[in-house]
Amino acid sequence: MKKILTLLLISGCGASLTLDEKIDKAHQEYAKRGSGYQSSFLPRVGNTRGDDYRNCIQQKYYRDKDQHDFCSWHAGIGKYQ
């Protein structure tokens, strides 16, 4: 049920957000990662989590954060702090 609600929220409000706004929202979620927040605003590309990780690095979604930590969190791989 939680996943369905998340998908509805993303599809309902995500379409009207610009990419910069989506990145801002993702950074707000990243700040709450210790409470279990996951990345839900950044685009998913390719077929694997590795594709998401590489795209995050290439597009510099991490901004001023540690690129490995932020992009690992976004892709849901490895350990992030």
PDB file of N, CA and C in Angstrom:
ATOM      1  N   MET A   1       0.816  -1.191   0.000  1.00  0.00           N
ATOM      2  CA  MET A   1       0.000   0.000   0.000  1.00  0.00           C
ATOM      3  C   MET A   1       0.866   1.264   0.000  1.00  0.00           C
ATOM      4  N   LYS A   2       1.959   1.216   0.759  1.00  0.00           N
ATOM      5  CA  LYS A   2       2.856   2.370   0.842  1.00  0.00           C
ATOM      6  C   LYS A   2       3.460   2.695  -0.528  1.00  0.00           C
ATOM      7  N   LYS A   3       3.828   1.637  -1.287  1.00  0.00           N
ATOM      8  CA  LYS A   3       4.407   1.857  -2.616  1.00  0.00           C
ATOM      9  C   LYS A   3       3.383   2.469  -3.558  1.00  0.00           C
ATOM     10  N   ILE A   4       2.146   2.016  -3.463  1.00  0.00           N
ATOM     11  CA  ILE A   4       1.089   2.553  -4.327  1.00  0.00           C
ATOM     12  C   ILE A   4       0.875   4.035  -4.028  1.00  0.00           C
ATOM     13  N   LEU A   5       0.832   4.376  -2.747  1.00  0.00           N
ATOM     14  CA  LEU A   5       0.663   5.769  -2.360  1.00  0.00           C
ATOM     15  C   LEU A   5       1.817   6.622  -2.870  1.00  0.00           C
ATOM     16  N   THR A   6       3.029   6.111  -2.744  1.00  0.00           N
ATOM     17  CA  THR A   6       4.200   6.835  -3.233  1.00  0.00           C
ATOM     18  C   THR A   6       4.113   7.049  -4.737  1.00  0.00           C
ATOM     19  N   LEU A   7       3.727   6.014  -5.470  1.00  0.00           N
ATOM     20  CA  LEU A   7       3.592   6.145  -6.925  1.00  0.00           C
ATOM     21  C   LEU A   7       2.523   7.157  -7.301  1.00  0.00           C
ATOM     22  N   LEU A   8       1.424   7.156  -6.579  1.00  0.00           N
ATOM     23  CA  LEU A   8       0.368   8.124  -6.856  1.00  0.00           C
ATOM     24  C   LEU A   8       0.842   9.546  -6.592  1.00  0.00           C
ATOM     25  N   LEU A   9       1.572   9.735  -5.513  1.00  0.00           N
ATOM     26  CA  LEU A   9       2.089  11.064  -5.204  1.00  0.00           C
ATOM     27  C   LEU A   9       3.079  11.532  -6.257  1.00  0.00           C
ATOM     28  N   ILE A  10       3.931  10.637  -6.686  1.00  0.00           N
ATOM     29  CA  ILE A  10       4.934  10.984  -7.696  1.00  0.00           C
ATOM     30  C   ILE A  10       4.263  11.309  -9.021  1.00  0.00           C
ATOM     31  N   SER A  11       3.359  10.454  -9.459  1.00  0.00           N
ATOM     32  CA  SER A  11       2.716  10.667 -10.748  1.00  0.00           C
ATOM     33  C   SER A  11       1.781  11.862 -10.712  1.00  0.00           C
ATOM     34  N   GLY A  12       1.181  12.119  -9.551  1.00  0.00           N
ATOM     35  CA  GLY A  12       0.249  13.224  -9.440  1.00  0.00           C
ATOM     36  C   GLY A  12       0.904  14.582  -9.397  1.00  0.00           C
ATOM     37  N   CYS A  13       2.028  14.705  -8.715  1.00  0.00           N
ATOM     38  CA  CYS A  13       2.661  16.016  -8.583  1.00  0.00           C
ATOM     39  C   CYS A  13       3.994  16.094  -9.313  1.00  0.00           C
ATOM     40  N   GLY A  14       4.580  14.979  -9.656  1.00  0.00           N
ATOM     41  CA  GLY A  14       5.882  14.985 -10.296  1.00  0.00           C
ATOM     42  C   GLY A  14       5.887  15.558 -11.693  1.00  0.00           C
ATOM     43  N   ALA A  15       4.786  15.398 -12.400  1.00  0.00           N
ATOM     44  CA  ALA A  15       4.725  15.844 -13.786  1.00  0.00           C
ATOM     45  C   ALA A  15       4.796  17.360 -13.895  1.00  0.00           C
ATOM     46  N   SER A  16       4.317  18.079 -12.887  1.00  0.00           N
ATOM     47  CA  SER A  16       4.289  19.524 -12.963  1.00  0.00           C
ATOM     48  C   SER A  16       5.574  20.178 -12.455  1.00  0.00           C
ATOM     49  N   LEU A  17       6.475  19.392 -11.905  1.00  0.00           N
ATOM     50  CA  LEU A  17       7.723  19.929 -11.371  1.00  0.00           C
ATOM     51  C   LEU A  17       8.787  19.992 -12.462  1.00  0.00           C
ATOM     52  N   THR A  18       9.609  21.034 -12.404  1.00  0.00           N
ATOM     53  CA  THR A  18      10.756  21.100 -13.304  1.00  0.00           C
ATOM     54  C   THR A  18      11.832  20.158 -12.783  1.00  0.00           C
ATOM     55  N   LEU A  19      12.842  19.889 -13.591  1.00  0.00           N
ATOM     56  CA  LEU A  19      13.929  19.018 -13.155  1.00  0.00           C
ATOM     57  C   LEU A  19      14.627  19.601 -11.935  1.00  0.00           C
ATOM     58  N   ASP A  20      14.847  20.908 -11.917  1.00  0.00           N
ATOM     59  CA  ASP A  20      15.491  21.536 -10.749  1.00  0.00           C
ATOM     60  C   ASP A  20      14.648  21.368  -9.491  1.00  0.00           C
ATOM     61  N   GLU A  21      13.332  21.484  -9.624  1.00  0.00           N
ATOM     62  CA  GLU A  21      12.452  21.283  -8.473  1.00  0.00           C
ATOM     63  C   GLU A  21      12.492  19.834  -7.998  1.00  0.00           C
ATOM     64  N   LYS A  22      12.571  18.905  -8.946  1.00  0.00           N
ATOM     65  CA  LYS A  22      12.670  17.487  -8.590  1.00  0.00           C
ATOM     66  C   LYS A  22      13.976  17.209  -7.855  1.00  0.00           C
ATOM     67  N   ILE A  23      15.059  17.834  -8.310  1.00  0.00           N
ATOM     68  CA  ILE A  23      16.348  17.670  -7.642  1.00  0.00           C
ATOM     69  C   ILE A  23      16.285  18.265  -6.237  1.00  0.00           C
ATOM     70  N   ASP A  24      15.644  19.431  -6.098  1.00  0.00           N
ATOM     71  CA  ASP A  24      15.463  20.036  -4.768  1.00  0.00           C
ATOM     72  C   ASP A  24      14.707  19.086  -3.840  1.00  0.00           C
ATOM     73  N   LYS A  25      13.615  18.496  -4.337  1.00  0.00           N
ATOM     74  CA  LYS A  25      12.811  17.559  -3.538  1.00  0.00           C
ATOM     75  C   LYS A  25      13.645  16.335  -3.160  1.00  0.00           C
ATOM     76  N   ALA A  26      14.439  15.831  -4.107  1.00  0.00           N
ATOM     77  CA  ALA A  26      15.284  14.668  -3.833  1.00  0.00           C
ATOM     78  C   ALA A  26      16.297  15.000  -2.743  1.00  0.00           C
ATOM     79  N   HIS A  27      16.830  16.209  -2.756  1.00  0.00           N
ATOM     80  CA  HIS A  27      17.787  16.603  -1.717  1.00  0.00           C
ATOM     81  C   HIS A  27      17.100  16.729  -0.355  1.00  0.00           C
ATOM     82  N   GLN A  28      15.843  17.118  -0.340  1.00  0.00           N
ATOM     83  CA  GLN A  28      15.091  17.142   0.916  1.00  0.00           C
ATOM     84  C   GLN A  28      14.918  15.718   1.449  1.00  0.00           C
ATOM     85  N   GLU A  29      14.630  14.778   0.548  1.00  0.00           N
ATOM     86  CA  GLU A  29      14.511  13.375   0.944  1.00  0.00           C
ATOM     87  C   GLU A  29      15.864  12.827   1.410  1.00  0.00           C
ATOM     88  N   TYR A  30      16.926  13.213   0.718  1.00  0.00           N
ATOM     89  CA  TYR A  30      18.271  12.753   1.074  1.00  0.00           C
ATOM     90  C   TYR A  30      18.625  13.199   2.491  1.00  0.00           C
ATOM     91  N   ALA A  31      18.218  14.408   2.862  1.00  0.00           N
ATOM     92  CA  ALA A  31      18.492  14.909   4.210  1.00  0.00           C
ATOM     93  C   ALA A  31      17.790  14.055   5.268  1.00  0.00           C
ATOM     94  N   LYS A  32      16.728  13.360   4.883  1.00  0.00           N
ATOM     95  CA  LYS A  32      15.965  12.521   5.809  1.00  0.00           C
ATOM     96  C   LYS A  32      16.245  11.034   5.614  1.00  0.00           C
ATOM     97  N   ARG A  33      17.323  10.707   4.917  1.00  0.00           N
ATOM     98  CA  ARG A  33      17.621   9.310   4.586  1.00  0.00           C
ATOM     99  C   ARG A  33      17.785   8.422   5.813  1.00  0.00           C
ATOM    100  N   GLY A  34      18.221   9.012   6.918  1.00  0.00           N
ATOM    101  CA  GLY A  34      18.375   8.264   8.158  1.00  0.00           C
ATOM    102  C   GLY A  34      17.048   7.753   8.706  1.00  0.00           C
ATOM    103  N   SER A  35      15.960   8.380   8.288  1.00  0.00           N
ATOM    104  CA  SER A  35      14.616   7.963   8.707  1.00  0.00           C
ATOM    105  C   SER A  35      13.985   7.005   7.707  1.00  0.00           C
ATOM    106  N   GLY A  36      14.765   6.597   6.710  1.00  0.00           N
ATOM    107  CA  GLY A  36      14.272   5.630   5.737  1.00  0.00           C
ATOM    108  C   GLY A  36      13.768   6.218   4.436  1.00  0.00           C
ATOM    109  N   TYR A  37      13.917   7.520   4.246  1.00  0.00           N
ATOM    110  CA  TYR A  37      13.473   8.119   2.996  1.00  0.00           C
ATOM    111  C   TYR A  37      14.306   7.595   1.834  1.00  0.00           C
ATOM    112  N   GLN A  38      13.635   7.347   0.738  1.00  0.00           N
ATOM    113  CA  GLN A  38      14.287   6.900  -0.487  1.00  0.00           C
ATOM    114  C   GLN A  38      14.118   7.970  -1.563  1.00  0.00           C
ATOM    115  N   SER A  39      14.907   7.879  -2.594  1.00  0.00           N
ATOM    116  CA  SER A  39      14.828   8.809  -3.712  1.00  0.00           C
ATOM    117  C   SER A  39      13.568   8.526  -4.521  1.00  0.00           C
ATOM    118  N   SER A  40      12.704   9.523  -4.663  1.00  0.00           N
ATOM    119  CA  SER A  40      11.481   9.302  -5.423  1.00  0.00           C
ATOM    120  C   SER A  40      11.220  10.373  -6.479  1.00  0.00           C
ATOM    121  N   PHE A  41      12.053  11.361  -6.571  1.00  0.00           N
ATOM    122  CA  PHE A  41      11.811  12.430  -7.521  1.00  0.00           C
ATOM    123  C   PHE A  41      12.755  12.421  -8.721  1.00  0.00           C
ATOM    124  N   LEU A  42      13.920  11.805  -8.590  1.00  0.00           N
ATOM    125  CA  LEU A  42      14.888  11.816  -9.689  1.00  0.00           C
ATOM    126  C   LEU A  42      14.530  10.762 -10.732  1.00  0.00           C
ATOM    127  N   PRO A  43      14.833  11.062 -12.003  1.00  0.00           N
ATOM    128  CA  PRO A  43      14.499  10.108 -13.058  1.00  0.00           C
ATOM    129  C   PRO A  43      15.299   8.812 -12.947  1.00  0.00           C
ATOM    130  N   ARG A  44      14.656   7.732 -13.304  1.00  0.00           N
ATOM    131  CA  ARG A  44      15.295   6.412 -13.386  1.00  0.00           C
ATOM    132  C   ARG A  44      15.575   6.150 -14.860  1.00  0.00           C
ATOM    133  N   VAL A  45      16.796   5.751 -15.156  1.00  0.00           N
ATOM    134  CA  VAL A  45      17.158   5.489 -16.555  1.00  0.00           C
ATOM    135  C   VAL A  45      17.736   4.089 -16.664  1.00  0.00           C
ATOM    136  N   GLY A  46      17.692   3.544 -17.825  1.00  0.00           N
ATOM    137  CA  GLY A  46      18.292   2.226 -18.057  1.00  0.00           C
ATOM    138  C   GLY A  46      17.527   1.114 -17.386  1.00  0.00           C
ATOM    139  N   ASN A  47      18.206  -0.013 -17.247  1.00  0.00           N
ATOM    140  CA  ASN A  47      17.569  -1.212 -16.720  1.00  0.00           C
ATOM    141  C   ASN A  47      18.069  -1.633 -15.351  1.00  0.00           C
ATOM    142  N   THR A  48      19.129  -1.015 -14.877  1.00  0.00           N
ATOM    143  CA  THR A  48      19.729  -1.459 -13.622  1.00  0.00           C
ATOM    144  C   THR A  48      19.942  -0.280 -12.669  1.00  0.00           C
ATOM    145  N   ARG A  49      20.212  -0.625 -11.432  1.00  0.00           N
ATOM    146  CA  ARG A  49      20.540   0.408 -10.446  1.00  0.00           C
ATOM    147  C   ARG A  49      21.858   1.081 -10.806  1.00  0.00           C
ATOM    148  N   GLY A  50      22.755   0.306 -11.410  1.00  0.00           N
ATOM    149  CA  GLY A  50      24.027   0.870 -11.863  1.00  0.00           C
ATOM    150  C   GLY A  50      23.816   1.958 -12.901  1.00  0.00           C
ATOM    151  N   ASP A  51      22.822   1.759 -13.774  1.00  0.00           N
ATOM    152  CA  ASP A  51      22.485   2.791 -14.761  1.00  0.00           C
ATOM    153  C   ASP A  51      22.020   4.062 -14.062  1.00  0.00           C
ATOM    154  N   ASP A  52      21.189   3.905 -13.018  1.00  0.00           N
ATOM    155  CA  ASP A  52      20.710   5.061 -12.247  1.00  0.00           C
ATOM    156  C   ASP A  52      21.878   5.778 -11.574  1.00  0.00           C
ATOM    157  N   TYR A  53      22.791   4.996 -11.007  1.00  0.00           N
ATOM    158  CA  TYR A  53      23.962   5.557 -10.329  1.00  0.00           C
ATOM    159  C   TYR A  53      24.815   6.364 -11.311  1.00  0.00           C
ATOM    160  N   ARG A  54      25.137   5.767 -12.453  1.00  0.00           N
ATOM    161  CA  ARG A  54      25.979   6.448 -13.451  1.00  0.00           C
ATOM    162  C   ARG A  54      25.299   7.706 -13.984  1.00  0.00           C
ATOM    163  N   ASN A  55      23.991   7.633 -14.230  1.00  0.00           N
ATOM    164  CA  ASN A  55      23.270   8.800 -14.719  1.00  0.00           C
ATOM    165  C   ASN A  55      23.282   9.915 -13.681  1.00  0.00           C
ATOM    166  N   CYS A  56      23.128   9.565 -12.413  1.00  0.00           N
ATOM    167  CA  CYS A  56      23.169  10.549 -11.328  1.00  0.00           C
ATOM    168  C   CYS A  56      24.516  11.280 -11.319  1.00  0.00           C
ATOM    169  N   ILE A  57      25.597  10.542 -11.480  1.00  0.00           N
ATOM    170  CA  ILE A  57      26.936  11.143 -11.518  1.00  0.00           C
ATOM    171  C   ILE A  57      27.066  12.050 -12.741  1.00  0.00           C
ATOM    172  N   GLN A  58      26.675  11.535 -13.914  1.00  0.00           N
ATOM    173  CA  GLN A  58      26.803  12.309 -15.158  1.00  0.00           C
ATOM    174  C   GLN A  58      25.983  13.594 -15.126  1.00  0.00           C
ATOM    175  N   GLN A  59      24.769  13.527 -14.591  1.00  0.00           N
ATOM    176  CA  GLN A  59      23.883  14.690 -14.560  1.00  0.00           C
ATOM    177  C   GLN A  59      24.151  15.619 -13.374  1.00  0.00           C
ATOM    178  N   LYS A  60      25.053  15.188 -12.495  1.00  0.00           N
ATOM    179  CA  LYS A  60      25.441  15.972 -11.315  1.00  0.00           C
ATOM    180  C   LYS A  60      24.250  16.303 -10.422  1.00  0.00           C
ATOM    181  N   TYR A  61      23.366  15.308 -10.236  1.00  0.00           N
ATOM    182  CA  TYR A  61      22.219  15.477  -9.342  1.00  0.00           C
ATOM    183  C   TYR A  61      22.662  15.695  -7.901  1.00  0.00           C
ATOM    184  N   TYR A  62      23.866  15.280  -7.573  1.00  0.00           N
ATOM    185  CA  TYR A  62      24.369  15.351  -6.203  1.00  0.00           C
ATOM    186  C   TYR A  62      24.669  16.774  -5.755  1.00  0.00           C
ATOM    187  N   ARG A  63      24.788  17.697  -6.683  1.00  0.00           N
ATOM    188  CA  ARG A  63      25.102  19.099  -6.398  1.00  0.00           C
ATOM    189  C   ARG A  63      26.321  19.230  -5.487  1.00  0.00           C
ATOM    190  N   ASP A  64      26.144  19.757  -4.274  1.00  0.00           N
ATOM    191  CA  ASP A  64      27.286  19.983  -3.388  1.00  0.00           C
ATOM    192  C   ASP A  64      27.499  18.839  -2.398  1.00  0.00           C
ATOM    193  N   LYS A  65      26.751  17.761  -2.540  1.00  0.00           N
ATOM    194  CA  LYS A  65      26.888  16.597  -1.656  1.00  0.00           C
ATOM    195  C   LYS A  65      27.955  15.656  -2.213  1.00  0.00           C
ATOM    196  N   ASP A  66      28.377  14.699  -1.391  1.00  0.00           N
ATOM    197  CA  ASP A  66      29.315  13.682  -1.852  1.00  0.00           C
ATOM    198  C   ASP A  66      28.656  12.883  -2.977  1.00  0.00           C
ATOM    199  N   GLN A  67      29.287  12.873  -4.157  1.00  0.00           N
ATOM    200  CA  GLN A  67      28.659  12.254  -5.318  1.00  0.00           C
ATOM    201  C   GLN A  67      28.390  10.764  -5.131  1.00  0.00           C
ATOM    202  N   HIS A  68      29.332  10.042  -4.542  1.00  0.00           N
ATOM    203  CA  HIS A  68      29.140   8.611  -4.349  1.00  0.00           C
ATOM    204  C   HIS A  68      28.008   8.339  -3.359  1.00  0.00           C
ATOM    205  N   ASP A  69      27.990   9.060  -2.250  1.00  0.00           N
ATOM    206  CA  ASP A  69      26.982   8.834  -1.228  1.00  0.00           C
ATOM    207  C   ASP A  69      25.582   9.166  -1.757  1.00  0.00           C
ATOM    208  N   PHE A  70      25.436  10.331  -2.359  1.00  0.00           N
ATOM    209  CA  PHE A  70      24.129  10.750  -2.853  1.00  0.00           C
ATOM    210  C   PHE A  70      23.634   9.818  -3.955  1.00  0.00           C
ATOM    211  N   CYS A  71      24.487   9.507  -4.911  1.00  0.00           N
ATOM    212  CA  CYS A  71      24.063   8.683  -6.047  1.00  0.00           C
ATOM    213  C   CYS A  71      23.846   7.221  -5.650  1.00  0.00           C
ATOM    214  N   SER A  72      24.582   6.735  -4.661  1.00  0.00           N
ATOM    215  CA  SER A  72      24.321   5.390  -4.124  1.00  0.00           C
ATOM    216  C   SER A  72      22.949   5.351  -3.469  1.00  0.00           C
ATOM    217  N   TRP A  73      22.634   6.393  -2.721  1.00  0.00           N
ATOM    218  CA  TRP A  73      21.323   6.511  -2.085  1.00  0.00           C
ATOM    219  C   TRP A  73      20.230   6.539  -3.148  1.00  0.00           C
ATOM    220  N   HIS A  74      20.418   7.366  -4.167  1.00  0.00           N
ATOM    221  CA  HIS A  74      19.428   7.479  -5.248  1.00  0.00           C
ATOM    222  C   HIS A  74      19.196   6.136  -5.932  1.00  0.00           C
ATOM    223  N   ALA A  75      20.273   5.449  -6.245  1.00  0.00           N
ATOM    224  CA  ALA A  75      20.163   4.176  -6.965  1.00  0.00           C
ATOM    225  C   ALA A  75      19.770   3.021  -6.047  1.00  0.00           C
ATOM    226  N   GLY A  76      19.923   3.216  -4.751  1.00  0.00           N
ATOM    227  CA  GLY A  76      19.589   2.150  -3.805  1.00  0.00           C
ATOM    228  C   GLY A  76      20.614   1.036  -3.786  1.00  0.00           C
ATOM    229  N   ILE A  77      21.882   1.419  -3.938  1.00  0.00           N
ATOM    230  CA  ILE A  77      22.953   0.418  -3.947  1.00  0.00           C
ATOM    231  C   ILE A  77      24.011   0.769  -2.903  1.00  0.00           C
ATOM    232  N   GLY A  78      24.733  -0.235  -2.477  1.00  0.00           N
ATOM    233  CA  GLY A  78      25.855  -0.021  -1.582  1.00  0.00           C
ATOM    234  C   GLY A  78      25.434   0.578  -0.257  1.00  0.00           C
ATOM    235  N   LYS A  79      26.406   1.151   0.420  1.00  0.00           N
ATOM    236  CA  LYS A  79      26.151   1.781   1.712  1.00  0.00           C
ATOM    237  C   LYS A  79      26.280   3.273   1.553  1.00  0.00           C
ATOM    238  N   TYR A  80      25.372   3.972   2.138  1.00  0.00           N
ATOM    239  CA  TYR A  80      25.446   5.435   2.151  1.00  0.00           C
ATOM    240  C   TYR A  80      25.244   5.877   3.578  1.00  0.00           C
ATOM    241  N   GLN A  81      25.698   7.063   3.886  1.00  0.00           N
ATOM    242  CA  GLN A  81      25.763   7.506   5.275  1.00  0.00           C
ATOM    243  C   GLN A  81      24.549   8.330   5.655  1.00  0.00           C
TER     244      GLN A  81
END
